[in-house]
Amino acid sequence: MTLWTLATLLIWAATLGALIVTATKWALFAAVAYWALHLGTHLAVRAIGRRT
């Protein structure tokens, strides 16, 4: 295995790692945003239900 091949593999690994981290962060953000929206809607519906 040449040094060039090793360097290329390391660059690929770093790129893939960064993509996976970014995707994970976005997935977590989306999950939290969805949960917050769901909870907010649920609480709003309950509050409106109590008022009427």
PDB file of N, CA and C in Angstrom:
ATOM      1  N   MET A   1       0.854  -1.196   0.000  1.00  0.00           N
ATOM      2  CA  MET A   1       0.000   0.000   0.000  1.00  0.00           C
ATOM      3  C   MET A   1       0.891   1.247   0.000  1.00  0.00           C
ATOM      4  N   THR A   2       0.682   2.077  -0.997  1.00  0.00           N
ATOM      5  CA  THR A   2       1.518   3.268  -1.103  1.00  0.00           C
ATOM      6  C   THR A   2       1.009   4.360  -0.168  1.00  0.00           C
ATOM      7  N   LEU A   3       1.831   5.351   0.029  1.00  0.00           N
ATOM      8  CA  LEU A   3       1.488   6.495   0.880  1.00  0.00           C
ATOM      9  C   LEU A   3       0.304   7.250   0.293  1.00  0.00           C
ATOM     10  N   TRP A   4       0.257   7.334  -1.038  1.00  0.00           N
ATOM     11  CA  TRP A   4      -0.839   8.032  -1.720  1.00  0.00           C
ATOM     12  C   TRP A   4      -2.180   7.338  -1.469  1.00  0.00           C
ATOM     13  N   THR A   5      -2.167   6.003  -1.540  1.00  0.00           N
ATOM     14  CA  THR A   5      -3.381   5.217  -1.289  1.00  0.00           C
ATOM     15  C   THR A   5      -3.847   5.421   0.145  1.00  0.00           C
ATOM     16  N   LEU A   6      -2.894   5.409   1.071  1.00  0.00           N
ATOM     17  CA  LEU A   6      -3.196   5.595   2.483  1.00  0.00           C
ATOM     18  C   LEU A   6      -3.797   6.978   2.725  1.00  0.00           C
ATOM     19  N   ALA A   7      -3.210   7.988   2.105  1.00  0.00           N
ATOM     20  CA  ALA A   7      -3.705   9.356   2.252  1.00  0.00           C
ATOM     21  C   ALA A   7      -5.118   9.478   1.688  1.00  0.00           C
ATOM     22  N   THR A   8      -5.346   8.868   0.526  1.00  0.00           N
ATOM     23  CA  THR A   8      -6.669   8.901  -0.099  1.00  0.00           C
ATOM     24  C   THR A   8      -7.707   8.230   0.799  1.00  0.00           C
ATOM     25  N   LEU A   9      -7.350   7.091   1.359  1.00  0.00           N
ATOM     26  CA  LEU A   9      -8.255   6.376   2.263  1.00  0.00           C
ATOM     27  C   LEU A   9      -8.567   7.209   3.499  1.00  0.00           C
ATOM     28  N   LEU A  10      -7.552   7.874   4.037  1.00  0.00           N
ATOM     29  CA  LEU A  10      -7.754   8.716   5.217  1.00  0.00           C
ATOM     30  C   LEU A  10      -8.679   9.887   4.907  1.00  0.00           C
ATOM     31  N   ILE A  11      -8.504  10.493   3.729  1.00  0.00           N
ATOM     32  CA  ILE A  11      -9.367  11.606   3.317  1.00  0.00           C
ATOM     33  C   ILE A  11     -10.807  11.123   3.162  1.00  0.00           C
ATOM     34  N   TRP A  12     -10.979   9.954   2.529  1.00  0.00           N
ATOM     35  CA  TRP A  12     -12.314   9.379   2.362  1.00  0.00           C
ATOM     36  C   TRP A  12     -12.969   9.088   3.708  1.00  0.00           C
ATOM     37  N   ALA A  13     -12.188   8.515   4.629  1.00  0.00           N
ATOM     38  CA  ALA A  13     -12.696   8.191   5.964  1.00  0.00           C
ATOM     39  C   ALA A  13     -13.114   9.459   6.698  1.00  0.00           C
ATOM     40  N   ALA A  14     -12.298  10.507   6.600  1.00  0.00           N
ATOM     41  CA  ALA A  14     -12.607  11.778   7.256  1.00  0.00           C
ATOM     42  C   ALA A  14     -13.865  12.405   6.666  1.00  0.00           C
ATOM     43  N   THR A  15     -13.987  12.354   5.349  1.00  0.00           N
ATOM     44  CA  THR A  15     -15.161  12.909   4.673  1.00  0.00           C
ATOM     45  C   THR A  15     -16.424  12.161   5.084  1.00  0.00           C
ATOM     46  N   LEU A  16     -16.355  10.836   5.063  1.00  0.00           N
ATOM     47  CA  LEU A  16     -17.502  10.018   5.467  1.00  0.00           C
ATOM     48  C   LEU A  16     -17.866  10.264   6.920  1.00  0.00           C
ATOM     49  N   GLY A  17     -16.862  10.362   7.777  1.00  0.00           N
ATOM     50  CA  GLY A  17     -17.091  10.640   9.188  1.00  0.00           C
ATOM     51  C   GLY A  17     -17.804  11.961   9.387  1.00  0.00           C
ATOM     52  N   ALA A  18     -17.351  12.986   8.669  1.00  0.00           N
ATOM     53  CA  ALA A  18     -17.963  14.308   8.778  1.00  0.00           C
ATOM     54  C   ALA A  18     -19.413  14.277   8.289  1.00  0.00           C
ATOM     55  N   LEU A  19     -19.655  13.554   7.193  1.00  0.00           N
ATOM     56  CA  LEU A  19     -21.016  13.430   6.669  1.00  0.00           C
ATOM     57  C   LEU A  19     -21.931  12.716   7.657  1.00  0.00           C
ATOM     58  N   ILE A  20     -21.417  11.653   8.269  1.00  0.00           N
ATOM     59  CA  ILE A  20     -22.210  10.899   9.246  1.00  0.00           C
ATOM     60  C   ILE A  20     -22.537  11.766  10.457  1.00  0.00           C
ATOM     61  N   VAL A  21     -21.549  12.518  10.939  1.00  0.00           N
ATOM     62  CA  VAL A  21     -21.760  13.416  12.087  1.00  0.00           C
ATOM     63  C   VAL A  21     -22.797  14.477  11.747  1.00  0.00           C
ATOM     64  N   THR A  22     -22.675  15.067  10.549  1.00  0.00           N
ATOM     65  CA  THR A  22     -23.625  16.092  10.115  1.00  0.00           C
ATOM     66  C   THR A  22     -25.033  15.519  10.010  1.00  0.00           C
ATOM     67  N   ALA A  23     -25.150  14.348   9.398  1.00  0.00           N
ATOM     68  CA  ALA A  23     -26.454  13.701   9.250  1.00  0.00           C
ATOM     69  C   ALA A  23     -27.064  13.386  10.612  1.00  0.00           C
ATOM     70  N   THR A  24     -26.232  12.925  11.539  1.00  0.00           N
ATOM     71  CA  THR A  24     -26.706  12.601  12.883  1.00  0.00           C
ATOM     72  C   THR A  24     -27.198  13.853  13.595  1.00  0.00           C
ATOM     73  N   LYS A  25     -26.422  14.953  13.476  1.00  0.00           N
ATOM     74  CA  LYS A  25     -26.831  16.217  14.094  1.00  0.00           C
ATOM     75  C   LYS A  25     -28.165  16.693  13.538  1.00  0.00           C
ATOM     76  N   TRP A  26     -28.329  16.635  12.225  1.00  0.00           N
ATOM     77  CA  TRP A  26     -29.590  17.058  11.596  1.00  0.00           C
ATOM     78  C   TRP A  26     -30.744  16.159  12.005  1.00  0.00           C
ATOM     79  N   ALA A  27     -30.487  14.848  12.110  1.00  0.00           N
ATOM     80  CA  ALA A  27     -31.533  13.913  12.527  1.00  0.00           C
ATOM     81  C   ALA A  27     -31.976  14.204  13.959  1.00  0.00           C
ATOM     82  N   LEU A  28     -31.012  14.457  14.841  1.00  0.00           N
ATOM     83  CA  LEU A  28     -31.334  14.788  16.227  1.00  0.00           C
ATOM     84  C   LEU A  28     -32.106  16.101  16.305  1.00  0.00           C
ATOM     85  N   PHE A  29     -31.647  17.101  15.548  1.00  0.00           N
ATOM     86  CA  PHE A  29     -32.323  18.392  15.517  1.00  0.00           C
ATOM     87  C   PHE A  29     -33.771  18.238  15.032  1.00  0.00           C
ATOM     88  N   ALA A  30     -33.954  17.456  13.979  1.00  0.00           N
ATOM     89  CA  ALA A  30     -35.289  17.223  13.427  1.00  0.00           C
ATOM     90  C   ALA A  30     -36.174  16.503  14.445  1.00  0.00           C
ATOM     91  N   ALA A  31     -35.600  15.508  15.136  1.00  0.00           N
ATOM     92  CA  ALA A  31     -36.367  14.769  16.139  1.00  0.00           C
ATOM     93  C   ALA A  31     -36.798  15.671  17.284  1.00  0.00           C
ATOM     94  N   VAL A  32     -35.887  16.515  17.769  1.00  0.00           N
ATOM     95  CA  VAL A  32     -36.196  17.444  18.860  1.00  0.00           C
ATOM     96  C   VAL A  32     -37.239  18.456  18.415  1.00  0.00           C
ATOM     97  N   ALA A  33     -37.082  18.999  17.200  1.00  0.00           N
ATOM     98  CA  ALA A  33     -38.039  19.982  16.678  1.00  0.00           C
ATOM     99  C   ALA A  33     -39.425  19.351  16.525  1.00  0.00           C
ATOM    100  N   TYR A  34     -39.471  18.121  16.017  1.00  0.00           N
ATOM    101  CA  TYR A  34     -40.743  17.422  15.845  1.00  0.00           C
ATOM    102  C   TYR A  34     -41.405  17.178  17.199  1.00  0.00           C
ATOM    103  N   TRP A  35     -40.604  16.723  18.170  1.00  0.00           N
ATOM    104  CA  TRP A  35     -41.126  16.434  19.500  1.00  0.00           C
ATOM    105  C   TRP A  35     -41.668  17.704  20.154  1.00  0.00           C
ATOM    106  N   ALA A  36     -40.923  18.814  20.024  1.00  0.00           N
ATOM    107  CA  ALA A  36     -41.350  20.087  20.604  1.00  0.00           C
ATOM    108  C   ALA A  36     -42.646  20.572  19.951  1.00  0.00           C
ATOM    109  N   LEU A  37     -42.722  20.444  18.645  1.00  0.00           N
ATOM    110  CA  LEU A  37     -43.924  20.858  17.909  1.00  0.00           C
ATOM    111  C   LEU A  37     -45.109  19.988  18.326  1.00  0.00           C
ATOM    112  N   HIS A  38     -44.883  18.686  18.422  1.00  0.00           N
ATOM    113  CA  HIS A  38     -45.933  17.747  18.817  1.00  0.00           C
ATOM    114  C   HIS A  38     -46.436  18.067  20.226  1.00  0.00           C
ATOM    115  N   LEU A  39     -45.486  18.276  21.147  1.00  0.00           N
ATOM    116  CA  LEU A  39     -45.844  18.577  22.530  1.00  0.00           C
ATOM    117  C   LEU A  39     -46.585  19.907  22.614  1.00  0.00           C
ATOM    118  N   GLY A  40     -46.092  20.919  21.888  1.00  0.00           N
ATOM    119  CA  GLY A  40     -46.743  22.223  21.876  1.00  0.00           C
ATOM    120  C   GLY A  40     -48.170  22.141  21.358  1.00  0.00           C
ATOM    121  N   THR A  41     -48.356  21.397  20.283  1.00  0.00           N
ATOM    122  CA  THR A  41     -49.689  21.226  19.704  1.00  0.00           C
ATOM    123  C   THR A  41     -50.604  20.504  20.690  1.00  0.00           C
ATOM    124  N   HIS A  42     -50.072  19.464  21.313  1.00  0.00           N
ATOM    125  CA  HIS A  42     -50.841  18.689  22.284  1.00  0.00           C
ATOM    126  C   HIS A  42     -51.301  19.571  23.444  1.00  0.00           C
ATOM    127  N   LEU A  43     -50.372  20.366  23.983  1.00  0.00           N
ATOM    128  CA  LEU A  43     -50.703  21.249  25.108  1.00  0.00           C
ATOM    129  C   LEU A  43     -51.684  22.332  24.689  1.00  0.00           C
ATOM    130  N   ALA A  44     -51.519  22.863  23.479  1.00  0.00           N
ATOM    131  CA  ALA A  44     -52.431  23.897  22.974  1.00  0.00           C
ATOM    132  C   ALA A  44     -53.834  23.332  22.814  1.00  0.00           C
ATOM    133  N   VAL A  45     -53.936  22.132  22.272  1.00  0.00           N
ATOM    134  CA  VAL A  45     -55.237  21.481  22.082  1.00  0.00           C
ATOM    135  C   VAL A  45     -55.910  21.244  23.438  1.00  0.00           C
ATOM    136  N   ARG A  46     -55.125  20.819  24.419  1.00  0.00           N
ATOM    137  CA  ARG A  46     -55.673  20.595  25.764  1.00  0.00           C
ATOM    138  C   ARG A  46     -56.143  21.903  26.392  1.00  0.00           C
ATOM    139  N   ALA A  47     -55.346  22.969  26.215  1.00  0.00           N
ATOM    140  CA  ALA A  47     -55.702  24.278  26.780  1.00  0.00           C
ATOM    141  C   ALA A  47     -56.988  24.809  26.133  1.00  0.00           C
ATOM    142  N   ILE A  48     -57.089  24.671  24.821  1.00  0.00           N
ATOM    143  CA  ILE A  48     -58.281  25.127  24.103  1.00  0.00           C
ATOM    144  C   ILE A  48     -59.477  24.278  24.515  1.00  0.00           C
ATOM    145  N   GLY A  49     -59.251  22.966  24.682  1.00  0.00           N
ATOM    146  CA  GLY A  49     -60.312  22.049  25.104  1.00  0.00           C
ATOM    147  C   GLY A  49     -60.847  22.407  26.479  1.00  0.00           C
ATOM    148  N   ARG A  50     -59.971  22.883  27.375  1.00  0.00           N
ATOM    149  CA  ARG A  50     -60.412  23.255  28.719  1.00  0.00           C
ATOM    150  C   ARG A  50     -61.236  24.527  28.715  1.00  0.00           C
ATOM    151  N   ARG A  51     -60.870  25.450  27.817  1.00  0.00           N
ATOM    152  CA  ARG A  51     -61.537  26.749  27.765  1.00  0.00           C
ATOM    153  C   ARG A  51     -62.990  26.646  27.298  1.00  0.00           C
ATOM    154  N   THR A  52     -63.230  25.760  26.333  1.00  0.00           N
ATOM    155  CA  THR A  52     -64.571  25.697  25.758  1.00  0.00           C
ATOM    156  C   THR A  52     -65.510  24.872  26.628  1.00  0.00           C
TER     157      THR A  52
END
